[in-house]
Protein backbone atom coordinates (compact mmCIF):
# COMPACT_ATOMS: atom_id res chain seq x y z
CA MET A 1 -1.47 -25.90 -31.31
CA VAL A 2 2.01 -24.42 -30.87
CA THR A 3 4.07 -26.41 -28.38
CA MET A 4 7.08 -25.67 -26.21
CA ASN A 5 9.16 -27.84 -28.59
CA ASP A 6 8.15 -25.58 -31.48
CA VAL A 7 9.36 -22.54 -29.55
CA ALA A 8 12.60 -24.28 -28.65
CA ARG A 9 13.33 -25.13 -32.31
CA ARG A 10 12.54 -21.59 -33.47
CA ALA A 11 14.76 -20.04 -30.78
CA GLY A 12 17.53 -22.62 -31.15
CA VAL A 13 17.44 -23.67 -27.50
CA THR A 14 16.34 -26.63 -25.43
CA LYS A 15 12.82 -27.23 -24.22
CA GLN A 16 14.06 -26.78 -20.64
CA THR A 17 15.35 -23.30 -21.51
CA VAL A 18 11.92 -22.35 -22.85
CA SER A 19 10.37 -23.72 -19.66
CA ASN A 20 12.75 -21.63 -17.56
CA VAL A 21 11.77 -18.49 -19.46
CA VAL A 22 8.05 -19.21 -19.21
CA ARG A 23 8.35 -19.86 -15.46
CA GLY A 24 10.30 -16.63 -14.91
CA ARG A 25 13.40 -18.35 -13.54
CA ASP A 26 16.61 -16.31 -13.36
CA VAL A 27 18.90 -19.00 -14.83
CA VAL A 28 18.63 -17.80 -18.44
CA SER A 29 20.90 -15.11 -19.88
CA PRO A 30 19.21 -11.88 -21.08
CA GLU A 31 20.18 -12.60 -24.69
CA THR A 32 18.72 -16.12 -24.65
CA ARG A 33 15.61 -14.90 -22.82
CA ALA A 34 15.06 -12.25 -25.49
CA ARG A 35 15.41 -14.85 -28.26
CA VAL A 36 12.93 -17.20 -26.57
CA GLU A 37 10.45 -14.40 -25.91
CA ALA A 38 10.69 -13.32 -29.55
CA ALA A 39 9.94 -16.90 -30.66
CA ILE A 40 6.99 -17.09 -28.26
CA ALA A 41 5.57 -13.85 -29.67
CA GLU A 42 6.17 -14.88 -33.27
CA LEU A 43 4.55 -18.29 -32.90
CA GLY A 44 1.78 -17.15 -30.54
CA TYR A 45 2.68 -19.77 -27.97
CA ARG A 46 0.40 -20.00 -24.94
CA PRO A 47 1.51 -22.21 -22.01
CA ASN A 48 -0.88 -24.94 -20.93
CA LEU A 49 -1.22 -23.89 -17.30
CA VAL A 50 -3.10 -27.01 -16.25
CA ALA A 51 -0.47 -29.32 -17.69
CA ARG A 52 2.34 -27.26 -16.25
CA GLY A 53 0.72 -27.31 -12.84
CA LEU A 54 0.38 -31.08 -12.92
CA ALA A 55 4.01 -31.45 -13.99
CA THR A 56 5.52 -29.04 -11.49
CA GLY A 57 3.10 -29.29 -8.58
CA THR A 58 2.47 -25.53 -8.82
CA THR A 59 -0.37 -23.39 -10.13
CA MET A 60 1.69 -20.27 -11.02
CA ILE A 61 -1.01 -18.27 -9.22
CA VAL A 62 -0.58 -15.98 -6.21
CA GLY A 63 -3.61 -14.95 -4.17
CA PHE A 64 -3.82 -11.30 -3.12
CA ILE A 65 -6.31 -9.97 -0.55
CA VAL A 66 -6.82 -6.20 -0.29
CA PRO A 67 -9.41 -4.05 1.52
CA THR A 68 -10.52 -2.33 -1.69
CA VAL A 69 -9.43 -1.39 -5.19
CA ALA A 70 -11.41 1.86 -5.11
CA HIS A 71 -8.77 3.66 -3.02
CA PRO A 72 -5.81 5.01 -5.05
CA PHE A 73 -3.29 3.50 -2.62
CA TYR A 74 -4.51 -0.05 -3.09
CA SER A 75 -5.14 0.30 -6.82
CA VAL A 76 -1.47 1.21 -7.33
CA VAL A 77 -0.34 -1.65 -5.08
CA VAL A 78 -2.49 -4.17 -6.98
CA GLU A 79 -1.18 -2.90 -10.31
CA GLU A 80 2.45 -3.26 -9.21
CA VAL A 81 1.92 -6.73 -7.69
CA GLU A 82 0.37 -7.90 -10.94
CA SER A 83 3.28 -6.44 -12.94
CA VAL A 84 5.88 -8.23 -10.81
CA LEU A 85 4.01 -11.53 -11.08
CA GLU A 86 3.74 -11.19 -14.87
CA GLU A 87 7.48 -10.59 -15.08
CA HIS A 88 7.99 -14.03 -13.53
CA GLY A 89 5.25 -15.88 -15.40
CA TYR A 90 2.74 -15.87 -12.54
CA HIS A 91 -0.90 -14.83 -12.43
CA LEU A 92 -2.91 -12.90 -9.85
CA LEU A 93 -6.02 -14.06 -8.01
CA LEU A 94 -7.49 -10.94 -6.39
CA ALA A 95 -10.04 -10.71 -3.57
CA THR A 96 -11.33 -7.68 -1.64
CA THR A 97 -12.60 -7.51 1.95
CA ARG A 98 -14.54 -4.22 1.51
CA GLY A 99 -14.00 -3.35 5.15
CA GLU A 100 -16.01 -6.30 6.47
CA GLY A 101 -14.44 -8.72 8.92
CA GLU A 102 -16.69 -11.65 8.02
CA ARG A 103 -16.16 -11.07 4.30
CA ALA A 104 -12.42 -11.01 5.00
CA ARG A 105 -12.66 -14.44 6.61
CA ARG A 106 -14.65 -15.81 3.66
CA GLN A 107 -12.27 -14.36 1.10
CA LEU A 108 -9.29 -15.81 2.90
CA ALA A 109 -10.92 -19.24 2.90
CA ALA A 110 -11.85 -18.89 -0.79
CA VAL A 111 -8.36 -17.85 -1.87
CA SER A 112 -6.68 -20.62 0.11
CA SER A 113 -9.02 -23.23 -1.40
CA ARG A 114 -7.98 -22.34 -4.97
CA SER A 115 -4.60 -24.12 -4.74
CA VAL A 116 -2.56 -20.93 -5.03
CA ASP A 117 1.22 -21.05 -4.66
CA ALA A 118 1.34 -18.19 -2.14
CA VAL A 119 -0.84 -15.53 -0.52
CA LEU A 120 -0.17 -11.81 -0.10
CA VAL A 121 -2.31 -9.69 2.23
CA ALA A 122 -2.42 -5.88 2.09
CA GLY A 123 -3.59 -3.89 5.09
CA ASP A 124 -4.48 -5.14 8.53
CA ARG A 125 -7.83 -3.48 9.09
CA ASP A 126 -9.95 -6.53 8.23
CA LEU A 127 -7.59 -9.47 8.53
CA GLY A 128 -5.72 -8.68 11.74
CA GLU A 129 -7.96 -11.05 13.70
CA HIS A 130 -7.39 -13.84 11.18
CA VAL A 131 -3.62 -14.10 11.49
CA SER A 132 -3.85 -17.62 12.92
CA GLN A 133 -5.78 -18.68 9.80
CA LEU A 134 -3.06 -17.16 7.62
CA GLU A 135 -0.39 -19.07 9.51
CA LYS A 136 -2.07 -22.39 8.70
CA LEU A 137 -2.46 -21.99 4.93
CA GLY A 138 0.43 -24.29 4.10
CA VAL A 139 1.85 -21.96 1.42
CA PRO A 140 4.17 -18.95 1.70
CA VAL A 141 2.35 -15.93 3.15
CA ALA A 142 3.48 -12.31 3.37
CA LEU A 143 1.84 -9.12 4.63
CA CYS A 144 2.24 -5.66 3.15
CA ALA A 145 1.15 -2.15 4.19
CA TRP A 146 0.45 -3.55 7.66
CA GLU A 147 0.02 -0.58 10.01
CA THR A 148 -0.86 -1.79 13.48
CA ASN A 149 1.46 -4.03 15.50
CA PRO A 150 2.54 -6.75 13.03
CA PRO A 151 2.38 -10.41 14.08
CA GLY A 152 5.72 -11.94 14.92
CA THR A 153 5.05 -15.06 12.88
CA LEU A 154 4.75 -13.72 9.31
CA PRO A 155 6.95 -11.47 7.15
CA VAL A 156 5.82 -7.88 6.72
CA VAL A 157 6.80 -5.25 4.14
CA THR A 158 5.33 -1.94 5.19
CA VAL A 159 5.96 1.76 5.85
CA ASP A 160 7.39 3.35 8.96
CA TYR A 161 4.04 4.92 9.79
CA GLU A 162 5.30 6.59 12.95
CA ARG A 163 7.83 8.40 10.78
CA VAL A 164 4.97 9.42 8.46
CA GLY A 165 3.42 11.45 11.26
CA HIS A 166 6.79 12.69 12.46
CA LEU A 167 7.67 14.10 9.03
CA ALA A 168 4.36 15.94 8.89
CA GLY A 169 4.68 17.24 12.44
CA ARG A 170 8.27 18.37 12.01
CA HIS A 171 7.37 20.22 8.80
CA LEU A 172 4.51 22.09 10.47
CA ARG A 173 6.52 22.73 13.65
CA ASP A 174 9.44 24.15 11.67
CA LEU A 175 7.06 26.47 9.85
CA GLY A 176 6.22 27.93 13.27
CA HIS A 177 2.88 26.30 14.02
CA ARG A 178 1.97 25.83 17.69
CA ARG A 179 -1.78 25.06 17.50
CA ALA A 180 -2.31 21.83 15.59
CA ALA A 181 -5.45 19.81 14.97
CA VAL A 182 -5.51 16.20 13.85
CA ILE A 183 -8.25 14.51 11.81
CA ALA A 184 -7.57 10.78 11.67
CA GLN A 185 -9.10 7.36 11.35
CA LEU A 186 -8.43 5.79 14.72
CA PRO A 187 -7.21 3.39 15.95
CA SER A 188 -6.06 2.40 12.45
CA HIS A 189 -3.80 5.45 12.06
CA GLN A 190 -2.58 5.67 15.64
CA PHE A 191 1.11 5.48 14.67
CA ARG A 192 0.74 8.43 12.28
CA VAL A 193 -0.79 10.47 15.08
CA ALA A 194 1.85 9.36 17.57
CA GLY A 195 4.60 10.46 15.20
CA LEU A 196 3.04 13.88 14.73
CA ARG A 197 2.74 14.36 18.48
CA ARG A 198 6.33 13.33 19.00
CA ALA A 199 7.53 15.87 16.46
CA PHE A 200 5.65 18.71 18.15
CA ALA A 201 6.75 17.54 21.60
CA GLU A 202 10.37 17.76 20.46
CA GLY A 203 9.71 21.45 19.92
CA GLY A 204 8.03 21.85 23.29
CA VAL A 205 4.51 21.92 21.86
CA ASP A 206 1.65 19.73 23.05
CA VAL A 207 -1.09 18.45 20.74
CA PRO A 208 -3.99 18.12 23.18
CA GLU A 209 -6.67 15.45 23.07
CA GLY A 210 -9.18 18.20 22.36
CA GLY A 211 -7.42 18.84 19.06
CA LEU A 212 -7.92 15.27 17.88
CA TYR A 213 -10.94 14.51 15.69
CA THR A 214 -11.69 10.88 14.84
CA VAL A 215 -13.37 9.73 11.63
CA SER A 216 -14.72 6.24 11.00
CA GLU A 217 -13.73 6.18 7.32
CA PRO A 218 -10.77 7.83 5.55
CA THR A 219 -12.91 9.74 3.06
CA ALA A 220 -13.29 13.32 1.85
CA GLU A 221 -16.83 13.38 3.25
CA ALA A 222 -15.59 12.42 6.69
CA GLY A 223 -12.82 15.00 6.48
CA TYR A 224 -15.31 17.70 5.50
CA ASP A 225 -17.62 16.98 8.43
CA ALA A 226 -14.76 16.74 10.91
CA ALA A 227 -13.34 20.04 9.71
CA LEU A 228 -16.66 21.79 10.33
CA THR A 229 -16.69 20.40 13.88
CA MET A 230 -13.10 21.55 14.34
CA LEU A 231 -13.90 25.08 13.16
CA ALA A 232 -16.76 25.33 15.64
CA ALA A 233 -14.32 24.90 18.55
CA ARG A 234 -13.24 27.93 20.60
CA ASP A 235 -9.57 27.99 19.59
CA ARG A 236 -9.10 27.61 15.87
CA PRO A 237 -5.90 25.73 14.96
CA THR A 238 -3.31 27.19 12.62
CA CYS A 239 -2.68 23.82 10.96
CA VAL A 240 -4.40 20.49 10.34
CA PHE A 241 -2.81 17.08 9.91
CA ALA A 242 -5.13 14.68 8.09
CA SER A 243 -4.17 11.00 8.27
CA THR A 244 -4.97 10.47 4.56
CA ASP A 245 -5.05 12.67 1.49
CA ALA A 246 -8.73 11.86 0.98
CA ILE A 247 -9.52 13.26 4.43
CA ALA A 248 -7.33 16.28 3.67
CA LEU A 249 -9.22 17.00 0.43
CA GLY A 250 -12.44 17.15 2.42
CA VAL A 251 -10.78 19.50 4.91
CA LEU A 252 -9.69 21.81 2.09
CA GLU A 253 -13.23 21.94 0.76
CA ALA A 254 -14.70 22.72 4.19
CA LEU A 255 -12.19 25.51 4.76
CA ARG A 256 -12.99 26.99 1.36
CA HIS A 257 -16.73 26.93 2.08
CA GLN A 258 -16.09 28.72 5.38
CA GLY A 259 -14.20 31.49 3.62
CA LEU A 260 -10.80 30.52 5.04
CA ARG A 261 -7.60 30.73 3.04
CA VAL A 262 -5.10 27.88 2.82
CA PRO A 263 -2.35 28.22 3.93
CA ASP A 264 -2.77 31.86 5.04
CA ASP A 265 -5.40 31.06 7.66
CA ILE A 266 -4.84 27.32 8.14
CA SER A 267 -2.21 24.95 6.73
CA VAL A 268 -3.19 21.42 5.74
CA VAL A 269 -1.00 18.32 5.36
CA GLY A 270 -2.18 14.87 4.25
CA VAL A 271 -0.72 11.39 3.80
CA ASP A 272 -0.27 9.17 0.73
CA ASP A 273 0.34 11.48 -2.28
CA ILE A 274 -2.61 10.25 -4.32
CA PRO A 275 -2.84 11.77 -7.84
CA GLN A 276 -5.56 14.23 -6.79
CA ALA A 277 -3.26 15.79 -4.17
CA ALA A 278 -1.13 17.60 -6.75
CA TYR A 279 -4.23 19.08 -8.41
CA ALA A 280 -6.13 20.16 -5.30
CA HIS A 281 -6.83 23.83 -4.64
CA PRO A 282 -4.30 24.64 -3.38
CA PRO A 283 -1.99 21.69 -4.19
CA LEU A 284 -1.72 19.52 -1.09
CA THR A 285 1.43 19.07 0.96
CA THR A 286 1.59 15.39 1.82
CA ILE A 287 3.69 12.49 3.03
CA ALA A 288 4.25 10.19 0.07
CA LEU A 289 4.08 6.45 0.75
CA PRO A 290 6.30 4.14 -1.37
CA LYS A 291 3.38 2.16 -2.75
CA ARG A 292 5.08 0.50 -5.69
CA ARG A 293 8.17 -0.39 -3.68
CA ILE A 294 6.00 -1.99 -0.97
CA ALA A 295 4.22 -4.08 -3.60
CA ARG A 296 7.38 -5.09 -5.45
CA GLU A 297 9.40 -6.08 -2.38
CA ALA A 298 6.54 -8.09 -0.85
CA THR A 299 5.83 -9.91 -4.12
CA GLU A 300 9.49 -10.70 -4.81
CA LEU A 301 9.79 -12.01 -1.25
CA LEU A 302 6.96 -14.45 -1.92
CA LEU A 303 8.38 -15.54 -5.27
CA ARG A 304 11.73 -16.34 -3.67
CA SER A 305 9.90 -18.39 -1.06
CA ILE A 306 7.96 -20.30 -3.72
CA ARG A 307 11.16 -21.16 -5.57
CA GLY A 308 12.82 -22.23 -2.33
CA GLY A 309 9.80 -24.17 -1.10
CA ILE A 310 9.89 -22.45 2.30
CA GLN A 311 7.89 -19.94 4.30
CA PRO A 312 9.77 -16.61 4.30
CA PRO A 313 11.28 -15.54 7.64
CA ALA A 314 9.06 -13.45 9.90
CA ASP A 315 11.01 -10.21 9.45
CA VAL A 316 9.56 -6.69 9.34
CA SER A 317 10.83 -4.43 6.57
CA LEU A 318 10.04 -0.75 7.19
CA LEU A 319 10.22 1.48 4.12
CA SER A 320 10.70 5.23 4.45
CA PRO A 321 8.04 7.81 3.51
CA GLU A 322 8.89 11.15 1.93
CA LEU A 323 7.69 14.71 2.58
CA VAL A 324 6.26 16.37 -0.55
CA VAL A 325 5.90 20.11 0.06
CA ARG A 326 3.27 21.95 -1.96
CA THR A 327 1.35 25.16 -1.31
CA SER A 328 -1.23 23.99 1.25
CA SER A 329 1.29 24.51 4.06
CA GLY A 330 3.03 27.68 5.13
CA PRO A 331 3.90 29.74 8.20
CA PRO A 332 1.01 30.77 10.50
CA SER A 333 -0.33 34.30 10.05
CA ALA A 334 0.90 36.97 12.44
CA SER A 335 -2.60 37.67 13.74
């Protein structure tokens, strides 16, 4: 078995330097790190994680709880979290809640019982009621992509979701739209809707309650059904804001089946900028969420806390979304 001493001799450094590289510590120069990593690759060295954990009192594992990995947003976040951890010599323990509150509680208990060094939680839909349990884990905890009112006791790296809706509303308002409909998962996406309403109100336009259609799940199927209900109303809107791209894709399909042209008859704007948005028919205007930046900043926050042996401060970091204009939005028709 190749040992850390073997790597140190091959790289011409001390055993402690090899340890620093393996643990992802920032005290090694780039040149020395490259030499050690080359020796590791050449010799096929594999750290003994059990022995290292006993020696350092750490597991080099971070637990991560997400609602699902089926949604493109969370799959990107998981991928980026794992990449950041690998850069620092850590491993990922992943658990999903699948939209079930009781499963969320069980997964939280399971992750915390595995002697992880820290816990990251994405999304508040399932774990919002378990904040007190998170506070008592005894390891650094951080929240990311938290959309409803964040707790004041834990750090949060998330998006300015009110600005998400405001960007969409301002875009549609500036195009000249005055009759807007909203299809959203509520109350989860209430800040997105509030931002859209604020943008229209700034232009003297009201988005009435009758123009708001609530879906229980942020899916294309739900968006399709809600769009059919919307089109059956007396006053057809000139634009639709969907609180996710998946909902918006369902809206586009419903409009197509009803013989309506997008954006000539109705404009559509979504949220997220999932890969399918650029290839929709027509390509979907959307509000892009900084998924990888959310994941990276939250993970690096936890790693700093692990190294410092402290719980990170309970600050809220709001990252900015970005409007991506494609051809699903345009001025309302003159008719």
